[in-house]
Each structure stands twice: as structure tokens, then as C-alpha cells.
Protein backbone atom coordinates (compact mmCIF):
# COMPACT_ATOMS: atom_id res chain seq x y z
CA MET A 1 -0.57 21.14 17.21
CA THR A 2 -1.30 18.09 15.22
CA HIS A 3 -2.01 14.89 17.12
CA ALA A 4 -0.56 11.93 15.11
CA VAL A 5 -0.43 8.27 15.99
CA ALA A 6 1.92 5.79 14.35
CA ILE A 7 0.60 2.30 13.84
CA VAL A 8 3.25 -0.40 13.19
CA PRO A 9 1.83 -3.76 12.18
CA ALA A 10 4.48 -6.40 12.90
CA PHE A 11 4.99 -10.11 12.32
CA ASP A 12 8.32 -11.72 13.40
CA ARG A 13 10.23 -8.40 13.44
CA ALA A 14 11.99 -8.65 16.80
CA ASP A 15 15.26 -7.73 15.13
CA THR A 16 14.00 -4.37 13.63
CA VAL A 17 10.86 -3.21 15.50
CA GLY A 18 12.76 -1.62 18.40
CA ALA A 19 14.82 0.67 16.19
CA THR A 20 11.65 1.42 14.20
CA VAL A 21 9.75 2.50 17.36
CA THR A 22 12.71 4.43 18.76
CA ALA A 23 12.94 6.40 15.40
CA LEU A 24 9.15 7.08 15.34
CA ARG A 25 9.20 8.57 18.85
CA THR A 26 11.51 11.34 17.54
CA VAL A 27 9.03 12.41 14.84
CA PRO A 28 7.44 15.67 15.74
CA ASP A 29 3.66 15.45 16.43
CA VAL A 30 3.70 11.73 16.86
CA LEU A 31 2.28 11.46 20.37
CA ASP A 32 1.84 7.69 20.41
CA VAL A 33 3.31 4.63 18.67
CA ILE A 34 1.19 1.55 18.65
CA VAL A 35 2.76 -1.74 17.59
CA VAL A 36 0.28 -4.45 16.70
CA ASP A 37 2.04 -7.85 17.13
CA ASP A 38 0.17 -10.01 14.56
CA GLY A 39 0.76 -13.40 16.20
CA SER A 40 4.53 -13.22 16.02
CA ARG A 41 6.63 -16.39 16.96
CA ASP A 42 9.50 -14.35 18.26
CA ARG A 43 10.03 -11.50 20.81
CA THR A 44 8.43 -8.77 18.62
CA ALA A 45 6.08 -7.68 21.37
CA ALA A 46 8.86 -7.50 24.00
CA ALA A 47 11.30 -5.58 21.72
CA ALA A 48 8.50 -3.08 20.89
CA ALA A 49 7.53 -2.54 24.46
CA ALA A 50 11.18 -2.08 25.48
CA ALA A 51 11.55 0.66 22.94
CA GLY A 52 8.56 2.53 24.37
CA ALA A 53 5.67 1.48 22.16
CA ARG A 54 2.14 0.64 23.24
CA VAL A 55 1.70 -2.95 22.14
CA ILE A 56 -1.40 -4.87 21.17
CA GLU A 57 -0.93 -8.57 20.73
CA LEU A 58 -3.09 -10.60 18.49
CA ALA A 59 -3.53 -14.35 19.44
CA ARG A 60 -2.90 -15.46 15.93
CA ASN A 61 -1.65 -14.21 12.65
CA ARG A 62 -4.61 -12.34 11.04
CA GLY A 63 -2.92 -10.33 8.31
CA LYS A 64 -1.78 -6.82 7.92
CA ALA A 65 -5.12 -5.16 7.41
CA ALA A 66 -6.50 -6.79 10.65
CA ALA A 67 -3.44 -5.60 12.51
CA VAL A 68 -3.89 -2.02 11.21
CA ALA A 69 -7.62 -2.11 12.10
CA ALA A 70 -6.75 -3.18 15.64
CA GLY A 71 -4.34 -0.29 16.01
CA VAL A 72 -6.92 2.14 14.58
CA ALA A 73 -9.53 0.84 17.16
CA ALA A 74 -7.14 1.40 20.09
CA SER A 75 -5.90 4.85 18.97
CA GLY A 76 -8.81 7.09 19.93
CA ALA A 77 -9.35 9.86 17.39
CA PRO A 78 -6.04 11.36 16.25
CA ASP A 79 -5.77 14.00 13.59
CA VAL A 80 -3.40 11.88 11.54
CA TYR A 81 -2.41 8.26 11.33
CA LEU A 82 1.10 7.14 10.26
CA LEU A 83 1.19 3.61 8.82
CA ILE A 84 4.67 2.30 9.08
CA ASP A 85 6.17 -1.10 8.50
CA ALA A 86 8.21 -2.58 11.29
CA ASP A 87 11.30 -3.12 9.26
CA LEU A 88 12.18 0.44 8.61
CA GLY A 89 14.59 0.70 11.56
CA SER A 90 16.19 3.96 12.17
CA SER A 91 15.03 5.36 8.73
CA ALA A 92 11.51 5.57 10.22
CA ALA A 93 12.57 8.96 11.64
CA LEU A 94 12.17 10.29 8.07
CA ALA A 95 8.42 9.79 8.50
CA ALA A 96 8.11 13.46 9.40
CA ASP A 97 8.33 14.19 5.73
CA LEU A 98 5.37 11.97 5.08
CA LEU A 99 3.34 13.46 7.90
CA GLN A 100 3.90 17.16 7.05
CA PRO A 101 1.70 17.55 4.00
CA VAL A 102 -1.28 15.97 5.79
CA ALA A 103 -0.67 17.93 9.04
CA LEU A 104 -0.59 21.16 7.03
CA GLY A 105 -3.83 20.37 5.27
CA GLU A 106 -2.12 20.05 1.82
CA ALA A 107 -3.14 16.35 1.35
CA ASP A 108 -5.53 13.78 2.82
CA MET A 109 -3.18 10.89 2.17
CA THR A 110 0.48 10.75 1.46
CA ILE A 111 2.32 7.75 0.15
CA ALA A 112 6.04 7.15 0.49
CA ILE A 113 8.25 6.48 -2.56
CA PHE A 114 11.48 4.85 -1.44
CA GLY A 115 14.36 7.04 -2.45
CA GLY A 116 17.63 5.60 -3.47
CA ALA A 117 18.55 2.50 -5.52
CA GLU A 118 16.96 -0.73 -4.75
CA SER A 119 17.58 -4.12 -6.35
CA PRO A 120 14.54 -5.60 -8.05
CA SER A 121 13.03 -8.36 -5.80
CA GLY A 122 10.28 -9.61 -8.24
CA PHE A 123 8.88 -9.20 -11.78
CA GLY A 124 6.85 -6.16 -11.04
CA LEU A 125 3.50 -7.73 -12.27
CA VAL A 126 1.54 -6.86 -9.11
CA LYS A 127 2.82 -3.44 -8.90
CA ALA A 128 2.07 -2.78 -12.60
CA PHE A 129 -1.47 -4.21 -12.12
CA ALA A 130 -2.07 -1.93 -9.06
CA ALA A 131 -0.75 1.08 -10.99
CA ARG A 132 -2.99 0.23 -13.97
CA VAL A 133 -6.09 -0.13 -11.91
CA LEU A 134 -5.49 3.17 -10.04
CA ARG A 135 -4.90 5.00 -13.31
CA SER A 136 -8.07 3.67 -15.05
CA GLU A 137 -10.34 3.97 -11.96
CA THR A 138 -9.07 7.25 -10.43
CA GLY A 139 -6.70 8.95 -12.88
CA LEU A 140 -3.89 8.66 -10.36
CA GLU A 141 -0.40 8.07 -11.77
CA LEU A 142 1.48 6.54 -8.75
CA ALA A 143 5.10 5.28 -8.81
CA GLU A 144 4.63 3.10 -5.69
CA PRO A 145 0.90 2.06 -5.63
CA LEU A 146 1.55 -0.61 -2.99
CA SER A 147 3.73 1.26 -0.64
CA GLY A 148 2.74 0.58 3.04
CA GLN A 149 4.27 3.79 4.31
CA ARG A 150 1.38 6.31 4.51
CA ALA A 151 0.00 9.28 6.40
CA VAL A 152 -3.76 9.45 6.38
CA ARG A 153 -6.05 12.19 7.86
CA GLY A 154 -7.77 10.81 10.89
CA PRO A 155 -11.52 11.20 9.89
CA LEU A 156 -10.79 9.73 6.45
CA MET A 157 -9.00 6.74 7.84
CA ARG A 158 -11.63 5.95 10.36
CA SER A 159 -14.28 6.12 7.61
CA LEU A 160 -12.65 3.52 5.42
CA GLN A 161 -13.46 -0.16 5.13
CA LEU A 162 -10.03 -1.91 5.04
CA ALA A 163 -9.46 -4.60 2.38
CA PRO A 164 -8.23 -7.83 3.94
CA GLY A 165 -4.57 -8.84 4.21
CA PHE A 166 -2.12 -7.31 1.77
CA GLY A 167 -5.00 -5.75 -0.19
CA LEU A 168 -4.95 -3.06 2.46
CA GLU A 169 -2.88 -0.44 0.44
CA ILE A 170 -4.70 -0.68 -2.99
CA GLY A 171 -8.00 -0.70 -1.08
CA LEU A 172 -7.12 2.46 0.85
CA THR A 173 -6.18 4.31 -2.30
CA LEU A 174 -9.21 3.25 -4.34
CA ASP A 175 -11.55 4.00 -1.50
CA ALA A 176 -10.01 7.39 -0.53
CA ALA A 177 -9.94 8.47 -4.09
CA ASP A 178 -13.57 7.44 -4.45
CA ARG A 179 -14.34 9.86 -1.66
CA GLY A 180 -12.60 12.75 -3.40
CA ALA A 181 -9.47 12.59 -1.13
CA ARG A 182 -6.34 14.45 -2.16
CA ILE A 183 -3.60 11.84 -2.56
CA SER A 184 0.07 12.55 -3.21
CA GLU A 185 3.38 10.76 -3.15
CA VAL A 186 6.54 11.90 -1.29
CA GLU A 187 9.99 10.57 -2.04
CA ILE A 188 11.75 9.63 1.24
CA GLY A 189 14.98 7.76 1.90
CA PHE A 190 13.34 4.91 3.84
CA SER A 191 15.20 1.64 3.95
CA HIS A 192 13.67 -1.71 4.55
CA ARG A 193 14.21 -5.53 4.32
CA GLN A 194 13.52 -6.76 0.79
CA THR A 195 11.89 -10.06 -0.01
CA GLY A 196 14.30 -12.52 -1.42
CA ARG A 197 14.33 -14.14 -4.90
CA ASP A 198 13.83 -17.57 -3.52
CA PHE A 199 10.85 -19.97 -3.11
CA SER A 200 9.55 -18.28 0.11
CA GLY A 201 9.98 -14.84 -1.39
CA PHE A 202 7.99 -15.64 -4.56
CA ALA A 203 5.38 -17.40 -2.48
CA HIS A 204 4.98 -14.28 -0.28
CA ARG A 205 4.61 -12.12 -3.50
CA ALA A 206 2.06 -14.53 -4.87
CA ARG A 207 0.07 -14.15 -1.64
CA ILE A 208 0.31 -10.31 -1.94
CA GLY A 209 -0.79 -10.51 -5.56
CA ARG A 210 -3.88 -12.64 -4.61
CA HIS A 211 -4.87 -10.19 -1.86
CA VAL A 212 -4.44 -7.16 -4.18
CA TYR A 213 -6.47 -8.84 -6.96
CA LEU A 214 -9.32 -9.68 -4.62
CA ALA A 215 -9.43 -6.19 -3.20
CA VAL A 216 -9.68 -4.82 -6.75
CA VAL A 217 -12.44 -7.30 -7.75
CA ALA A 218 -14.38 -6.18 -4.60
CA ARG A 219 -14.18 -2.58 -5.76
CA THR A 220 -14.38 -2.75 -9.55
CA GLY A 221 -15.93 -6.15 -10.43
CA TRP A 222 -14.11 -9.12 -11.82
CA PRO A 223 -14.30 -8.11 -15.58
CA LYS A 224 -12.28 -4.98 -15.14
CA ALA A 225 -9.88 -6.67 -12.77
CA VAL A 226 -9.21 -9.60 -15.20
CA TYR A 227 -8.74 -7.09 -18.17
CA SER A 228 -6.32 -4.95 -16.14
CA LEU A 229 -4.39 -8.07 -15.07
CA ALA A 230 -4.08 -9.25 -18.57
CA ALA A 231 -2.91 -5.83 -19.83
CA SER A 232 -0.40 -5.69 -17.00
CA LEU A 233 1.00 -9.12 -17.80
CA LEU A 234 1.34 -8.09 -21.40
CA GLY A 235 3.19 -5.00 -20.28
CA ARG A 236 5.62 -7.10 -18.27
CA VAL A 237 6.21 -9.29 -21.36
CA ILE A 238 6.87 -6.24 -23.61
CA SER A 239 9.20 -4.56 -21.12
CA ALA A 240 11.16 -7.85 -20.73
CA ALA A 241 11.42 -8.11 -24.55
CA ARG A 242 12.65 -4.51 -24.78
CA GLY A 243 15.09 -4.95 -21.93
CA VAL A 244 13.44 -2.42 -19.64
CA PRO A 245 14.58 -3.04 -16.03
CA VAL A 246 12.00 -4.75 -13.84
CA ARG A 247 12.45 -1.93 -11.25
CA ASP A 248 11.26 0.78 -13.69
CA ARG A 249 9.09 3.45 -12.07
CA GLY A 250 7.01 6.46 -12.95
CA GLN A 251 7.14 7.42 -16.52
CA GLN A 252 8.78 4.22 -17.76
CA LEU A 253 6.19 2.06 -15.98
CA GLY A 254 3.36 4.19 -17.09
CA GLY A 255 4.52 4.33 -20.65
CA VAL A 256 4.84 0.57 -20.96
CA ALA A 257 1.56 -0.04 -19.23
CA ARG A 258 -0.22 2.45 -21.57
CA GLN A 259 1.20 0.74 -24.59
CA SER A 260 0.29 -2.72 -23.22
CA TRP A 261 -3.22 -1.43 -22.75
CA GLN A 262 -3.44 -0.35 -26.37
CA ARG A 263 -2.19 -3.71 -27.48
CA ALA A 264 -4.61 -5.44 -25.14
CA ARG A 265 -7.54 -3.58 -26.66
CA GLN A 266 -6.59 -5.18 -30.09
CA LEU A 267 -7.20 -8.79 -28.74
CA ARG A 268 -10.02 -10.44 -30.56
CA PHE A 269 -12.64 -10.33 -27.92
CA PRO A 270 -16.16 -10.86 -29.36
CA ARG A 271 -17.83 -7.44 -29.76
CA SER A 272 -20.76 -8.63 -27.58
CA LEU A 273 -18.26 -9.38 -24.77
CA ARG A 274 -16.40 -6.07 -25.16
CA ASP A 275 -19.66 -4.09 -25.13
CA ARG A 276 -21.46 -5.85 -22.26
CA GLN A 277 -22.70 -3.69 -19.48
CA SER A 278 -20.73 -5.95 -17.06
CA TRP A 279 -17.51 -4.41 -18.29
CA ARG A 280 -18.31 -1.05 -16.84
CA PRO A 281 -17.06 -0.25 -13.37
CA LEU A 282 -19.23 -2.07 -10.77
CA ARG A 283 -18.02 -0.15 -7.78
CA ARG A 284 -20.98 1.38 -5.80
CA ARG A 285 -20.77 5.10 -5.62
CA ARG A 286 -20.61 6.01 -1.97
CA ALA A 287 -21.46 9.34 -0.57
CA ARG A 288 -18.59 11.73 -0.37
CA GLY A 289 -17.00 11.65 3.07
CA PRO A 290 -14.19 13.51 4.79
């Protein structure tokens, strides 16, 4: 039997965390649900506890990665970790499909692709940037590179250094791939609360983008990060000019990004700058782990 622990980082999610916990407790092999209340200003902790979760309360808001790290530290040594957002509600019961490939030894990390139609909530730049970095650094073609819904083999999760804040997901994928982990995506009909297209929504996405960029810089060096960001921005401009929907995924996103990369290579950088040693990946090669 697989021993899995679900870790749910939560900030001001009193309205959804109870249903999320209730759903997770029905997932086979999930023996513990840990909600980390990341300095919430509402009754998130009380709602999670009432639904049967083990609750860890942080005194102040420290960010998603710190909340996940606190959950991992309190979990013991499970075979598999489920990382689940607090706003999934009853759809969190579908996490069984995310857990299964890892529990069966078919993957070391699975990443959820949200099934069904979703309205675009942003311009897709950060997502395109993350996809480009993963493709160039690891060869992975991911439709949802920043998805927070994941299952990770226990020894692998405990061996990784978590990137701060919302850099958590891109950092997990880059570091796991660097260790030779088998990473796959699973399409699941999760539903969640989308960030709005208002000032607070765009400010939130800007904060996510900053964290993702800093996590990439820490792992690849700033020259490659800047180059990938420029290529991704160009890809967004090209897709907008062609009328490609912002919510494009998979092959559409990959195709536009690859074309933007070819165009970016034609920019008139001085040859001395293009050929500098600093443009090579700066990530230290770590010993292969679990």
C-alpha cells in the first residue's frame, strides 16, 4: 500500500478549503491531509480543521514555497506527496488520477493539466516563458508548466531545494529533471478559482512572473533567462498578431514559441555577445539523486 500525504498551502481560502480537504480524504492511499495556513486573515485554519485536516498555522504570510516546505517538514516520510491548491473544492477528489502513476512507479512526478474549457485570465507570457525554459533546459514539452497540482515521489521531494514563493513549480520541474526524474502530465477535470482581469489580478500575475523569473535565473543564469524571456515576449506578440487565442496550449503554444525563438536568433546581437561563455547554462550539475 502506498502512503501518500496531501499538502495544501492556503491563504484566505476559508470558503473553499473545507470542501477541498473533504474531497482529498476520499482519495485512496491519502492517509493524511495537511493544510498549511499561510498567515490567512480569515477562518481558513478553522475551516480546514473542521473538515478533518491537520493544520499548520504560519504567523505571517511567507509565500507558497514556504508553506509547502512547512508541510513537508511535518509529514514524516511518506511514499508520495500530493501538492494541491486550496481552491479546488470537491474536484480535488480527482487527485487519485494524479497520484496513480507515481504510486505505481510509472513516474517520479506528475503534473495536472486542467481539463475542460477555461477562459483566459492573462496574456500567457509567464506560461510561455516557463515552457520555453523547460524545453531548452530539459527537453520537456509541457502544456501546463506552472500547474500547482502535482504528485511527487517522497524521496525526490525531500531532496529538492524549493524555489521561493511562486517560483516553486518551475523550480521543482527544473531540479527534478536535472536529477533524471521521470516527469509526465495528466489531464484531469480539476476546477479552481481563476484570477480576475482587474488590477489586483494583473498585480498577482506580475508577482508570479517575478518569482518564476528569479527561480529560472538561479538555475540557468541571467543571460539565458533574459534571452528566453525576450523570445517568449516575441512569441506572444506574434500569436496576438496572428489571432491565436491567448489560452493556446500544447502544440499551438510550442509551435509559436519555436517560431519566436527562430526569430529571436535573428536579432542583431554582436557576435562577441552571442558567443560568450556566459551564455551557456550556468546551472551546477548536481549528483543524480532519487
